[in-house]
C-alpha atoms as a PDB file:
ATOM      1  CA  MET A   1      44.180  31.094 -72.185  1.00  0.00           C
ATOM      2  CA  ARG A   2      43.076  28.749 -74.994  1.00  0.00           C
ATOM      3  CA  ALA A   3      41.603  25.278 -74.458  1.00  0.00           C
ATOM      4  CA  VAL A   4      43.715  23.055 -76.698  1.00  0.00           C
ATOM      5  CA  ILE A   5      43.189  19.353 -77.407  1.00  0.00           C
ATOM      6  CA  THR A   6      46.659  17.967 -76.746  1.00  0.00           C
ATOM      7  CA  GLY A   7      45.814  14.260 -76.891  1.00  0.00           C
ATOM      8  CA  THR A   8      43.165  11.944 -78.327  1.00  0.00           C
ATOM      9  CA  GLY A   9      42.208   8.306 -77.923  1.00  0.00           C
ATOM     10  CA  MET A  10      39.505   5.820 -78.825  1.00  0.00           C
ATOM     11  CA  HIS A  11      38.402   2.309 -78.036  1.00  0.00           C
ATOM     12  CA  VAL A  12      35.833   0.040 -79.626  1.00  0.00           C
ATOM     13  CA  PRO A  13      35.162  -3.522 -78.447  1.00  0.00           C
ATOM     14  CA  PRO A  14      36.755  -6.221 -80.607  1.00  0.00           C
ATOM     15  CA  LYS A  15      33.444  -7.977 -81.331  1.00  0.00           C
ATOM     16  CA  ILE A  16      32.138  -6.936 -84.771  1.00  0.00           C
ATOM     17  CA  VAL A  17      28.414  -7.442 -85.414  1.00  0.00           C
ATOM     18  CA  THR A  18      27.492  -7.120 -89.079  1.00  0.00           C
ATOM     19  CA  ASN A  19      24.150  -6.372 -90.650  1.00  0.00           C
ATOM     20  CA  ASN A  20      24.003 -10.005 -91.757  1.00  0.00           C
ATOM     21  CA  ASP A  21      24.436 -11.079 -88.128  1.00  0.00           C
ATOM     22  CA  LEU A  22      21.382  -9.005 -87.187  1.00  0.00           C
ATOM     23  CA  SER A  23      19.381 -10.500 -90.054  1.00  0.00           C
ATOM     24  CA  ARG A  24      19.586 -13.844 -88.257  1.00  0.00           C
ATOM     25  CA  ILE A  25      17.399 -12.582 -85.395  1.00  0.00           C
ATOM     26  CA  MET A  26      15.046 -10.091 -87.091  1.00  0.00           C
ATOM     27  CA  ASP A  27      13.465  -9.308 -90.431  1.00  0.00           C
ATOM     28  CA  THR A  28      16.187  -7.158 -91.966  1.00  0.00           C
ATOM     29  CA  THR A  29      18.966  -7.359 -94.536  1.00  0.00           C
ATOM     30  CA  ASP A  30      22.341  -5.772 -95.131  1.00  0.00           C
ATOM     31  CA  ASP A  31      20.835  -3.797 -98.003  1.00  0.00           C
ATOM     32  CA  TRP A  32      17.857  -2.595 -95.906  1.00  0.00           C
ATOM     33  CA  ILE A  33      20.145  -1.250 -93.191  1.00  0.00           C
ATOM     34  CA  GLN A  34      22.730   0.308 -95.514  1.00  0.00           C
ATOM     35  CA  VAL A  35      20.146   2.091 -97.650  1.00  0.00           C
ATOM     36  CA  ARG A  36      18.510   3.682 -94.595  1.00  0.00           C
ATOM     37  CA  THR A  37      21.539   4.336 -92.365  1.00  0.00           C
ATOM     38  CA  GLY A  38      24.802   3.729 -94.215  1.00  0.00           C
ATOM     39  CA  ILE A  39      25.868   1.353 -91.425  1.00  0.00           C
ATOM     40  CA  ILE A  40      27.666  -1.859 -92.377  1.00  0.00           C
ATOM     41  CA  GLU A  41      28.772  -3.081 -88.950  1.00  0.00           C
ATOM     42  CA  ARG A  42      29.016  -2.053 -85.322  1.00  0.00           C
ATOM     43  CA  ARG A  43      30.849  -3.190 -82.165  1.00  0.00           C
ATOM     44  CA  PHE A  44      29.254  -4.718 -79.073  1.00  0.00           C
ATOM     45  CA  ALA A  45      30.888  -4.913 -75.664  1.00  0.00           C
ATOM     46  CA  ALA A  46      31.042  -8.154 -73.691  1.00  0.00           C
ATOM     47  CA  HIS A  47      28.153  -8.698 -71.290  1.00  0.00           C
ATOM     48  CA  ASP A  48      30.358  -7.978 -68.273  1.00  0.00           C
ATOM     49  CA  GLN A  49      31.653  -4.651 -69.632  1.00  0.00           C
ATOM     50  CA  ALA A  50      30.162  -1.347 -68.487  1.00  0.00           C
ATOM     51  CA  THR A  51      30.642   2.109 -69.973  1.00  0.00           C
ATOM     52  CA  SER A  52      33.558   2.916 -67.659  1.00  0.00           C
ATOM     53  CA  ASP A  53      35.312  -0.260 -68.832  1.00  0.00           C
ATOM     54  CA  ILE A  54      35.369   0.735 -72.498  1.00  0.00           C
ATOM     55  CA  ALA A  55      36.096   4.363 -71.602  1.00  0.00           C
ATOM     56  CA  LEU A  56      39.240   3.285 -69.734  1.00  0.00           C
ATOM     57  CA  PRO A  57      41.515   2.389 -72.696  1.00  0.00           C
ATOM     58  CA  ALA A  58      40.357   5.431 -74.680  1.00  0.00           C
ATOM     59  CA  ALA A  59      41.180   7.694 -71.726  1.00  0.00           C
ATOM     60  CA  ARG A  60      44.590   6.098 -71.211  1.00  0.00           C
ATOM     61  CA  GLN A  61      45.418   6.525 -74.894  1.00  0.00           C
ATOM     62  CA  ALA A  62      44.429  10.197 -74.809  1.00  0.00           C
ATOM     63  CA  ILE A  63      46.580  10.847 -71.733  1.00  0.00           C
ATOM     64  CA  ASP A  64      49.559   9.086 -73.332  1.00  0.00           C
ATOM     65  CA  SER A  65      48.977  10.982 -76.580  1.00  0.00           C
ATOM     66  CA  ALA A  66      49.038  14.276 -74.665  1.00  0.00           C
ATOM     67  CA  GLY A  67      52.403  13.394 -73.162  1.00  0.00           C
ATOM     68  CA  CYS A  68      51.162  13.950 -69.653  1.00  0.00           C
ATOM     69  CA  THR A  69      50.703  11.806 -66.564  1.00  0.00           C
ATOM     70  CA  LEU A  70      47.694  10.937 -64.439  1.00  0.00           C
ATOM     71  CA  ASP A  71      48.856  13.519 -61.909  1.00  0.00           C
ATOM     72  CA  ASP A  72      48.515  16.226 -64.563  1.00  0.00           C
ATOM     73  CA  ILE A  73      44.765  15.653 -65.036  1.00  0.00           C
ATOM     74  CA  ASP A  74      42.751  17.825 -62.658  1.00  0.00           C
ATOM     75  CA  TYR A  75      39.155  17.468 -63.928  1.00  0.00           C
ATOM     76  CA  LEU A  76      37.122  14.689 -65.580  1.00  0.00           C
ATOM     77  CA  ILE A  77      33.975  15.070 -67.691  1.00  0.00           C
ATOM     78  CA  LEU A  78      32.283  11.942 -69.003  1.00  0.00           C
ATOM     79  CA  ALA A  79      29.406  12.267 -71.471  1.00  0.00           C
ATOM     80  CA  THR A  80      27.170   9.196 -71.649  1.00  0.00           C
ATOM     81  CA  MET A  81      23.537   8.111 -71.852  1.00  0.00           C
ATOM     82  CA  THR A  82      24.408   4.590 -70.683  1.00  0.00           C
ATOM     83  CA  PRO A  83      25.967   5.036 -67.209  1.00  0.00           C
ATOM     84  CA  ASP A  84      27.302   2.026 -65.315  1.00  0.00           C
ATOM     85  CA  CYS A  85      24.418   2.425 -62.869  1.00  0.00           C
ATOM     86  CA  TYR A  86      21.637   4.906 -62.133  1.00  0.00           C
ATOM     87  CA  PHE A  87      23.854   6.719 -59.661  1.00  0.00           C
ATOM     88  CA  PRO A  88      26.636   7.735 -59.274  1.00  0.00           C
ATOM     89  CA  GLY A  89      26.971   7.207 -63.031  1.00  0.00           C
ATOM     90  CA  SER A  90      30.240   6.332 -64.749  1.00  0.00           C
ATOM     91  CA  ALA A  91      32.689   9.161 -64.041  1.00  0.00           C
ATOM     92  CA  PRO A  92      33.588   8.108 -60.460  1.00  0.00           C
ATOM     93  CA  PHE A  93      34.183   4.539 -61.634  1.00  0.00           C
ATOM     94  CA  LEU A  94      36.391   5.734 -64.486  1.00  0.00           C
ATOM     95  CA  GLN A  95      38.247   8.012 -62.053  1.00  0.00           C
ATOM     96  CA  ARG A  96      38.917   5.029 -59.781  1.00  0.00           C
ATOM     97  CA  LYS A  97      39.979   2.704 -62.608  1.00  0.00           C
ATOM     98  CA  LEU A  98      42.370   5.308 -64.005  1.00  0.00           C
ATOM     99  CA  GLY A  99      43.777   6.162 -60.590  1.00  0.00           C
ATOM    100  CA  LEU A 100      42.988   9.879 -60.797  1.00  0.00           C
ATOM    101  CA  GLY A 101      42.925  10.429 -57.056  1.00  0.00           C
ATOM    102  CA  THR A 102      40.201  12.741 -55.787  1.00  0.00           C
ATOM    103  CA  ILE A 103      39.888  15.166 -58.702  1.00  0.00           C
ATOM    104  CA  PRO A 104      36.359  16.447 -59.440  1.00  0.00           C
ATOM    105  CA  CYS A 105      34.479  14.361 -61.980  1.00  0.00           C
ATOM    106  CA  LEU A 106      30.999  14.374 -63.414  1.00  0.00           C
ATOM    107  CA  ASP A 107      28.678  12.668 -65.867  1.00  0.00           C
ATOM    108  CA  ILE A 108      26.671  14.781 -68.293  1.00  0.00           C
ATOM    109  CA  ARG A 109      23.545  13.547 -70.083  1.00  0.00           C
ATOM    110  CA  GLN A 110      23.166  15.373 -73.378  1.00  0.00           C
ATOM    111  CA  GLN A 111      23.215  12.149 -75.397  1.00  0.00           C
ATOM    112  CA  CYS A 112      24.279  12.717 -79.024  1.00  0.00           C
ATOM    113  CA  ALA A 113      25.323  16.302 -78.244  1.00  0.00           C
ATOM    114  CA  GLY A 114      27.165  15.184 -75.120  1.00  0.00           C
ATOM    115  CA  PHE A 115      30.685  15.696 -76.430  1.00  0.00           C
ATOM    116  CA  LEU A 116      29.841  19.216 -77.613  1.00  0.00           C
ATOM    117  CA  TYR A 117      28.507  20.154 -74.177  1.00  0.00           C
ATOM    118  CA  ALA A 118      31.527  18.509 -72.534  1.00  0.00           C
ATOM    119  CA  LEU A 119      33.944  20.524 -74.674  1.00  0.00           C
ATOM    120  CA  GLN A 120      32.087  23.714 -73.798  1.00  0.00           C
ATOM    121  CA  LEU A 121      32.400  22.882 -70.095  1.00  0.00           C
ATOM    122  CA  ALA A 122      36.094  22.049 -70.452  1.00  0.00           C
ATOM    123  CA  ASP A 123      36.687  25.313 -72.308  1.00  0.00           C
ATOM    124  CA  ALA A 124      34.834  27.262 -69.604  1.00  0.00           C
ATOM    125  CA  VAL A 125      36.701  25.797 -66.610  1.00  0.00           C
ATOM    126  CA  ILE A 126      40.037  26.286 -68.368  1.00  0.00           C
ATOM    127  CA  ARG A 127      39.308  29.895 -69.338  1.00  0.00           C
ATOM    128  CA  SER A 128      38.169  30.573 -65.766  1.00  0.00           C
ATOM    129  CA  GLY A 129      41.572  29.469 -64.508  1.00  0.00           C
ATOM    130  CA  GLN A 130      40.096  26.899 -62.129  1.00  0.00           C
ATOM    131  CA  HIS A 131      41.593  23.906 -63.938  1.00  0.00           C
ATOM    132  CA  ARG A 132      44.486  23.357 -66.348  1.00  0.00           C
ATOM    133  CA  ARG A 133      44.067  19.874 -67.851  1.00  0.00           C
ATOM    134  CA  VAL A 134      40.644  18.331 -68.371  1.00  0.00           C
ATOM    135  CA  LEU A 135      40.017  14.763 -69.503  1.00  0.00           C
ATOM    136  CA  VAL A 136      36.870  14.680 -71.660  1.00  0.00           C
ATOM    137  CA  VAL A 137      35.376  11.292 -72.558  1.00  0.00           C
ATOM    138  CA  GLY A 138      32.345  10.285 -74.613  1.00  0.00           C
ATOM    139  CA  ALA A 139      31.462   6.624 -74.098  1.00  0.00           C
ATOM    140  CA  GLU A 140      28.483   4.331 -74.587  1.00  0.00           C
ATOM    141  CA  VAL A 141      27.499   0.693 -74.141  1.00  0.00           C
ATOM    142  CA  HIS A 142      24.277   0.746 -76.127  1.00  0.00           C
ATOM    143  CA  SER A 143      24.124  -3.025 -76.356  1.00  0.00           C
ATOM    144  CA  CYS A 144      22.690  -3.024 -72.819  1.00  0.00           C
ATOM    145  CA  LEU A 145      19.528  -1.431 -74.273  1.00  0.00           C
ATOM    146  CA  GLN A 146      18.884  -4.116 -76.881  1.00  0.00           C
ATOM    147  CA  PRO A 147      15.495  -5.780 -76.146  1.00  0.00           C
ATOM    148  CA  TRP A 148      16.610  -9.299 -77.089  1.00  0.00           C
ATOM    149  CA  ASP A 149      16.359 -12.519 -75.129  1.00  0.00           C
ATOM    150  CA  GLN A 150      19.525 -14.482 -74.374  1.00  0.00           C
ATOM    151  CA  HIS A 151      19.123 -16.868 -77.301  1.00  0.00           C
ATOM    152  CA  SER A 152      18.797 -13.954 -79.726  1.00  0.00           C
ATOM    153  CA  TRP A 153      21.965 -12.495 -78.245  1.00  0.00           C
ATOM    154  CA  ASP A 154      23.799 -15.786 -78.668  1.00  0.00           C
ATOM    155  CA  VAL A 155      22.722 -16.083 -82.311  1.00  0.00           C
ATOM    156  CA  ALA A 156      23.586 -12.462 -83.166  1.00  0.00           C
ATOM    157  CA  MET A 157      26.999 -12.769 -81.518  1.00  0.00           C
ATOM    158  CA  GLY A 158      27.747 -16.033 -83.295  1.00  0.00           C
ATOM    159  CA  ASP A 159      27.683 -18.136 -80.128  1.00  0.00           C
ATOM    160  CA  ALA A 160      24.680 -20.211 -81.250  1.00  0.00           C
ATOM    161  CA  GLU A 161      23.529 -21.556 -84.591  1.00  0.00           C
ATOM    162  CA  GLY A 162      19.924 -20.415 -84.456  1.00  0.00           C
ATOM    163  CA  PRO A 163      17.335 -19.833 -85.633  1.00  0.00           C
ATOM    164  CA  VAL A 164      15.449 -17.951 -82.957  1.00  0.00           C
ATOM    165  CA  SER A 165      11.799 -18.780 -82.368  1.00  0.00           C
ATOM    166  CA  ASP A 166       9.176 -17.198 -84.622  1.00  0.00           C
ATOM    167  CA  GLU A 167       7.790 -15.307 -81.639  1.00  0.00           C
ATOM    168  CA  GLN A 168      11.155 -13.849 -80.719  1.00  0.00           C
ATOM    169  CA  PHE A 169      11.968 -13.094 -84.367  1.00  0.00           C
ATOM    170  CA  GLN A 170       8.783 -11.017 -84.634  1.00  0.00           C
ATOM    171  CA  ARG A 171       9.462  -9.244 -81.322  1.00  0.00           C
ATOM    172  CA  ASN A 172      13.018  -8.371 -82.372  1.00  0.00           C
ATOM    173  CA  THR A 173      11.690  -7.067 -85.687  1.00  0.00           C
ATOM    174  CA  GLN A 174       9.378  -4.597 -83.881  1.00  0.00           C
ATOM    175  CA  PHE A 175      12.459  -2.663 -82.736  1.00  0.00           C
ATOM    176  CA  ARG A 176      14.670  -3.012 -85.813  1.00  0.00           C
ATOM    177  CA  ASP A 177      14.392   0.658 -86.834  1.00  0.00           C
ATOM    178  CA  ARG A 178      16.320   1.543 -83.658  1.00  0.00           C
ATOM    179  CA  THR A 179      18.352  -1.499 -82.716  1.00  0.00           C
ATOM    180  CA  VAL A 180      20.271  -1.589 -86.004  1.00  0.00           C
ATOM    181  CA  LEU A 181      21.565   1.951 -85.399  1.00  0.00           C
ATOM    182  CA  PHE A 182      23.598   1.616 -82.237  1.00  0.00           C
ATOM    183  CA  GLY A 183      27.076   0.426 -81.403  1.00  0.00           C
ATOM    184  CA  ASP A 184      29.415   0.554 -78.419  1.00  0.00           C
ATOM    185  CA  GLY A 185      32.533   2.704 -78.260  1.00  0.00           C
ATOM    186  CA  ALA A 186      34.465   5.461 -76.526  1.00  0.00           C
ATOM    187  CA  GLY A 187      36.478   8.486 -77.562  1.00  0.00           C
ATOM    188  CA  ALA A 188      38.565  10.722 -75.309  1.00  0.00           C
ATOM    189  CA  VAL A 189      40.538  13.942 -75.464  1.00  0.00           C
ATOM    190  CA  VAL A 190      42.822  15.804 -73.075  1.00  0.00           C
ATOM    191  CA  VAL A 191      42.011  19.516 -73.130  1.00  0.00           C
ATOM    192  CA  GLU A 192      44.777  21.720 -71.809  1.00  0.00           C
ATOM    193  CA  GLY A 193      45.007  25.424 -71.090  1.00  0.00           C
ATOM    194  CA  VAL A 194      47.703  26.984 -73.286  1.00  0.00           C
ATOM    195  CA  GLU A 195      48.605  30.658 -73.124  1.00  0.00           C
ATOM    196  CA  ALA A 196      48.907  32.830 -76.246  1.00  0.00           C
ATOM    197  CA  SER A 197      48.088  29.957 -78.592  1.00  0.00           C
ATOM    198  CA  ASP A 198      46.598  30.155 -82.079  1.00  0.00           C
ATOM    199  CA  ARG A 199      45.278  26.625 -81.547  1.00  0.00           C
ATOM    200  CA  GLY A 200      42.303  25.501 -79.535  1.00  0.00           C
ATOM    201  CA  VAL A 201      38.582  26.083 -79.014  1.00  0.00           C
ATOM    202  CA  ILE A 202      37.506  29.274 -80.779  1.00  0.00           C
ATOM    203  CA  ASP A 203      33.813  29.253 -79.930  1.00  0.00           C
ATOM    204  CA  CYS A 204      30.944  27.061 -78.742  1.00  0.00           C
ATOM    205  CA  VAL A 205      27.275  27.425 -79.683  1.00  0.00           C
ATOM    206  CA  ILE A 206      24.797  25.047 -78.056  1.00  0.00           C
ATOM    207  CA  HIS A 207      20.997  24.943 -77.987  1.00  0.00           C
ATOM    208  CA  CYS A 208      18.187  22.907 -76.457  1.00  0.00           C
ATOM    209  CA  ASP A 209      14.472  22.719 -77.300  1.00  0.00           C
ATOM    210  CA  GLY A 210      12.505  20.682 -74.777  1.00  0.00           C
ATOM    211  CA  ASN A 211       9.405  20.956 -76.960  1.00  0.00           C
ATOM    212  CA  GLU A 212      10.962  18.272 -79.163  1.00  0.00           C
ATOM    213  CA  ALA A 213      12.127  16.026 -76.308  1.00  0.00           C
ATOM    214  CA  GLU A 214       9.882  13.107 -77.252  1.00  0.00           C
ATOM    215  CA  ARG A 215      11.380  12.813 -80.745  1.00  0.00           C
ATOM    216  CA  LEU A 216      14.232  10.778 -79.249  1.00  0.00           C
ATOM    217  CA  TRP A 217      13.624   9.397 -75.807  1.00  0.00           C
ATOM    218  CA  THR A 218      12.980   6.411 -73.590  1.00  0.00           C
ATOM    219  CA  LYS A 219       9.457   6.781 -72.329  1.00  0.00           C
ATOM    220  CA  ALA A 220       9.565   4.368 -69.388  1.00  0.00           C
ATOM    221  CA  ALA A 221      11.707   3.910 -66.283  1.00  0.00           C
ATOM    222  CA  GLY A 222      12.267   7.065 -64.257  1.00  0.00           C
ATOM    223  CA  SER A 223      10.933   9.292 -61.515  1.00  0.00           C
ATOM    224  CA  ALA A 224       7.762   9.923 -63.530  1.00  0.00           C
ATOM    225  CA  PHE A 225       6.689   6.358 -62.664  1.00  0.00           C
ATOM    226  CA  ARG A 226       5.901   4.363 -59.547  1.00  0.00           C
ATOM    227  CA  PRO A 227       7.711   2.045 -59.373  1.00  0.00           C
ATOM    228  CA  TYR A 228      10.744   3.470 -61.153  1.00  0.00           C
ATOM    229  CA  ILE A 229      10.853   0.379 -63.375  1.00  0.00           C
ATOM    230  CA  SER A 230       8.545  -2.608 -63.687  1.00  0.00           C
ATOM    231  CA  ALA A 231       8.313  -5.921 -65.490  1.00  0.00           C
ATOM    232  CA  GLU A 232       5.499  -4.456 -67.606  1.00  0.00           C
ATOM    233  CA  MET A 233       7.787  -1.708 -68.908  1.00  0.00           C
ATOM    234  CA  ILE A 234      10.321  -4.289 -69.963  1.00  0.00           C
ATOM    235  CA  ALA A 235       7.715  -6.566 -71.576  1.00  0.00           C
ATOM    236  CA  SER A 236       6.142  -3.708 -73.530  1.00  0.00           C
ATOM    237  CA  GLY A 237       9.484  -2.503 -74.856  1.00  0.00           C
ATOM    238  CA  ASP A 238       8.987   0.952 -73.328  1.00  0.00           C
ATOM    239  CA  ILE A 239      12.520   0.889 -71.896  1.00  0.00           C
ATOM    240  CA  THR A 240      13.907   0.725 -75.443  1.00  0.00           C
ATOM    241  CA  PRO A 241      14.782   4.139 -76.949  1.00  0.00           C
ATOM    242  CA  ILE A 242      12.298   5.654 -79.387  1.00  0.00           C
ATOM    243  CA  VAL A 243      13.560   7.438 -82.493  1.00  0.00           C
ATOM    244  CA  GLU A 244      11.060   9.260 -84.724  1.00  0.00           C
ATOM    245  CA  GLY A 245      13.227   8.801 -87.788  1.00  0.00           C
ATOM    246  CA  ARG A 246      11.580  11.105 -90.311  1.00  0.00           C
ATOM    247  CA  LYS A 247      11.073  13.957 -87.861  1.00  0.00           C
ATOM    248  CA  VAL A 248      14.607  13.649 -86.504  1.00  0.00           C
ATOM    249  CA  TYR A 249      15.978  13.669 -90.050  1.00  0.00           C
ATOM    250  CA  ALA A 250      14.071  16.874 -90.827  1.00  0.00           C
ATOM    251  CA  LEU A 251      15.231  18.533 -87.606  1.00  0.00           C
ATOM    252  CA  ALA A 252      18.848  17.459 -88.063  1.00  0.00           C
ATOM    253  CA  VAL A 253      19.261  18.522 -91.698  1.00  0.00           C
ATOM    254  CA  THR A 254      17.863  21.930 -90.736  1.00  0.00           C
ATOM    255  CA  ALA A 255      19.448  22.633 -87.341  1.00  0.00           C
ATOM    256  CA  MET A 256      22.939  21.291 -88.017  1.00  0.00           C
ATOM    257  CA  PRO A 257      23.615  23.421 -91.115  1.00  0.00           C
ATOM    258  CA  GLU A 258      22.104  26.450 -89.369  1.00  0.00           C
ATOM    259  CA  VAL A 259      24.294  26.145 -86.272  1.00  0.00           C
ATOM    260  CA  THR A 260      27.371  25.528 -88.433  1.00  0.00           C
ATOM    261  CA  LEU A 261      26.736  28.775 -90.308  1.00  0.00           C
ATOM    262  CA  GLU A 262      25.858  30.548 -87.055  1.00  0.00           C
ATOM    263  CA  ILE A 263      29.163  29.751 -85.379  1.00  0.00           C
ATOM    264  CA  LEU A 264      31.184  30.611 -88.495  1.00  0.00           C
ATOM    265  CA  GLN A 265      29.409  33.908 -89.095  1.00  0.00           C
ATOM    266  CA  ARG A 266      29.690  35.128 -85.519  1.00  0.00           C
ATOM    267  CA  ASN A 267      33.450  34.588 -85.770  1.00  0.00           C
ATOM    268  CA  GLY A 268      33.785  36.381 -89.096  1.00  0.00           C
ATOM    269  CA  LEU A 269      34.371  33.156 -91.033  1.00  0.00           C
ATOM    270  CA  THR A 270      32.739  31.379 -93.975  1.00  0.00           C
ATOM    271  CA  LEU A 271      32.423  27.830 -95.239  1.00  0.00           C
ATOM    272  CA  GLU A 272      35.424  28.493 -97.462  1.00  0.00           C
ATOM    273  CA  ASP A 273      37.536  28.952 -94.320  1.00  0.00           C
ATOM    274  CA  LEU A 274      36.417  25.585 -92.952  1.00  0.00           C
ATOM    275  CA  ASP A 275      38.820  22.686 -93.511  1.00  0.00           C
ATOM    276  CA  LEU A 276      36.794  19.849 -91.995  1.00  0.00           C
ATOM    277  CA  LEU A 277      33.271  19.261 -90.672  1.00  0.00           C
ATOM    278  CA  ILE A 278      32.955  16.403 -88.177  1.00  0.00           C
ATOM    279  CA  MET A 279      29.303  15.616 -87.508  1.00  0.00           C
ATOM    280  CA  HIS A 280      27.762  13.372 -84.909  1.00  0.00           C
ATOM    281  CA  GLN A 281      27.525   9.946 -86.539  1.00  0.00           C
ATOM    282  CA  ALA A 282      23.836   9.107 -86.072  1.00  0.00           C
ATOM    283  CA  ASN A 283      22.883   8.237 -89.621  1.00  0.00           C
ATOM    284  CA  LEU A 284      24.919   8.615 -92.797  1.00  0.00           C
ATOM    285  CA  ARG A 285      21.835   9.825 -94.683  1.00  0.00           C
ATOM    286  CA  ILE A 286      21.453  12.713 -92.215  1.00  0.00           C
ATOM    287  CA  ASN A 287      25.100  13.659 -92.647  1.00  0.00           C
ATOM    288  CA  GLU A 288      24.783  13.514 -96.416  1.00  0.00           C
ATOM    289  CA  GLY A 289      21.748  15.794 -96.184  1.00  0.00           C
ATOM    290  CA  VAL A 290      23.669  18.301 -94.031  1.00  0.00           C
ATOM    291  CA  GLN A 291      26.634  18.183 -96.408  1.00  0.00           C
ATOM    292  CA  LYS A 292      24.366  18.826 -99.383  1.00  0.00           C
ATOM    293  CA  ARG A 293      22.665  21.806 -97.716  1.00  0.00           C
ATOM    294  CA  LEU A 294      26.019  23.340 -96.863  1.00  0.00           C
ATOM    295  CA  GLY A 295      27.428  22.569-100.304  1.00  0.00           C
ATOM    296  CA  LEU A 296      30.595  21.028 -98.888  1.00  0.00           C
ATOM    297  CA  PRO A 297      32.830  18.718-100.972  1.00  0.00           C
ATOM    298  CA  ASP A 298      33.628  15.230 -99.711  1.00  0.00           C
ATOM    299  CA  ASN A 299      37.150  16.209 -98.666  1.00  0.00           C
ATOM    300  CA  LYS A 300      35.702  18.637 -96.105  1.00  0.00           C
ATOM    301  CA  VAL A 301      33.482  16.058 -94.368  1.00  0.00           C
ATOM    302  CA  PHE A 302      34.539  13.078 -92.236  1.00  0.00           C
ATOM    303  CA  ASN A 303      32.296  10.045 -91.658  1.00  0.00           C
ATOM    304  CA  ASN A 304      32.998   6.670 -90.047  1.00  0.00           C
ATOM    305  CA  ILE A 305      29.504   5.510 -89.023  1.00  0.00           C
ATOM    306  CA  GLN A 306      29.794   2.739 -91.611  1.00  0.00           C
ATOM    307  CA  ARG A 307      32.088   0.768 -89.277  1.00  0.00           C
ATOM    308  CA  TYR A 308      30.862   1.706 -85.810  1.00  0.00           C
ATOM    309  CA  GLY A 309      27.189   2.669 -85.975  1.00  0.00           C
ATOM    310  CA  ASN A 310      25.888   5.367 -83.648  1.00  0.00           C
ATOM    311  CA  THR A 311      27.987   5.485 -80.474  1.00  0.00           C
ATOM    312  CA  THR A 312      26.146   8.650 -79.292  1.00  0.00           C
ATOM    313  CA  ALA A 313      28.539  10.680 -77.086  1.00  0.00           C
ATOM    314  CA  GLY A 314      31.465   8.697 -78.490  1.00  0.00           C
ATOM    315  CA  THR A 315      31.005   9.480 -82.185  1.00  0.00           C
ATOM    316  CA  ILE A 316      32.666  12.901 -82.457  1.00  0.00           C
ATOM    317  CA  PRO A 317      35.795  12.167 -80.378  1.00  0.00           C
ATOM    318  CA  ILE A 318      36.216   8.823 -82.173  1.00  0.00           C
ATOM    319  CA  ALA A 319      35.858  10.546 -85.544  1.00  0.00           C
ATOM    320  CA  TYR A 320      38.294  13.312 -84.579  1.00  0.00           C
ATOM    321  CA  HIS A 321      40.867  10.775 -83.410  1.00  0.00           C
ATOM    322  CA  GLU A 322      40.612   8.885 -86.694  1.00  0.00           C
ATOM    323  CA  ALA A 323      40.671  12.102 -88.749  1.00  0.00           C
ATOM    324  CA  LEU A 324      43.978  13.016 -87.083  1.00  0.00           C
ATOM    325  CA  GLN A 325      45.365   9.515 -87.614  1.00  0.00           C
ATOM    326  CA  GLN A 326      44.433   9.588 -91.308  1.00  0.00           C
ATOM    327  CA  GLY A 327      45.810  13.082 -91.889  1.00  0.00           C
ATOM    328  CA  ARG A 328      42.355  14.490 -92.587  1.00  0.00           C
ATOM    329  CA  ALA A 329      42.771  16.997 -89.736  1.00  0.00           C
ATOM    330  CA  LYS A 330      46.172  18.693 -89.663  1.00  0.00           C
ATOM    331  CA  ALA A 331      47.936  21.368 -87.658  1.00  0.00           C
ATOM    332  CA  GLY A 332      46.388  24.751 -88.417  1.00  0.00           C
ATOM    333  CA  ASP A 333      43.155  23.326 -89.857  1.00  0.00           C
ATOM    334  CA  LEU A 334      39.826  24.877 -88.921  1.00  0.00           C
ATOM    335  CA  VAL A 335      37.476  22.104 -87.752  1.00  0.00           C
ATOM    336  CA  CYS A 336      33.822  22.343 -86.815  1.00  0.00           C
ATOM    337  CA  PHE A 337      32.266  19.690 -84.554  1.00  0.00           C
ATOM    338  CA  VAL A 338      28.476  19.634 -84.907  1.00  0.00           C
ATOM    339  CA  GLY A 339      25.691  17.383 -83.693  1.00  0.00           C
ATOM    340  CA  LEU A 340      22.042  17.009 -82.726  1.00  0.00           C
ATOM    341  CA  GLY A 341      20.385  14.556 -80.398  1.00  0.00           C
ATOM    342  CA  SER A 342      17.885  13.810 -77.675  1.00  0.00           C
ATOM    343  CA  GLY A 343      16.675  16.652 -75.549  1.00  0.00           C
ATOM    344  CA  LEU A 344      16.447  18.141 -78.206  1.00  0.00           C
ATOM    345  CA  ASN A 345      20.096  19.243 -77.871  1.00  0.00           C
ATOM    346  CA  TRP A 346      22.272  20.514 -80.693  1.00  0.00           C
ATOM    347  CA  GLY A 347      25.248  22.708 -81.254  1.00  0.00           C
ATOM    348  CA  ALA A 348      28.661  23.304 -82.748  1.00  0.00           C
ATOM    349  CA  VAL A 349      32.225  23.839 -81.555  1.00  0.00           C
ATOM    350  CA  LEU A 350      34.725  25.675 -83.722  1.00  0.00           C
ATOM    351  CA  TYR A 351      38.282  24.439 -83.229  1.00  0.00           C
ATOM    352  CA  ARG A 352      41.718  25.270 -84.664  1.00  0.00           C
ATOM    353  CA  CYS A 353      44.017  22.229 -84.761  1.00  0.00           C
END
């Protein structure tokens, strides 16, 4: 039994926020952001939209694309670091909004490697024979983590003229290295068990190194504190994610090429056999560094971070959906999904289209 992706879907909010929009509320420029990240624009959800809300249209599109019905889906995995609420997370809400009955559903929290872990889980439950069609979704509403006051939000979103106060401008600038990176979006796939197929998941290799956990993390709010969250945590900015940029770059451009070669070699394949590498879209400079180390030509690498920013668990399924739509991934192609993120989690999935 092979785990085959039979349908894909994506959704990004309609609101585009450009680098120039962000420059109205913090000390940054379009050039500053593009040079460091490659990002030109990102999407932000409306204030009343949660992760399950933007996951919903992506999931529906994937189900339609697979040519199946809601009754055919018998398991739901949702990868996210921005759940609707602390518990029960987002998967039960997405289940309810889709109308998936009482099928088992779960959130997983592997952040930027979330989709890789979710695919490995889907592959495992299908190979075990316990489930036949698994809906896998990676979705994020990162805009909820932005440490801006309401006026800054209004100016950035184009709902107010501005400027923001000098005090708020300086506060927003303190977090610019992180806040310019993230966008909101969702990608989804239907993974189906198919007998005697040449298509599907070939192998999964995933790793975690907790010794590097503080390289990307949010250091406040959680069971390590009493109370769980406080006004002081919010005021200090400790609830805003921390990204040690230089260290993460060094880890990513080392671990991602290594795990790509690892999964190819253990399946008797080489880089020459690979048709397309789809990396987690965290930073275009990281992806360029990985591409250079692997010696891959541009036609074997797919990037779209320029338009969406880092949507964490959503980046790989969004990129795969667009690669299929653009004819960059075709029937019979060998594709490698690879990523690294908080935890420190990283890995690769080898897939035959």
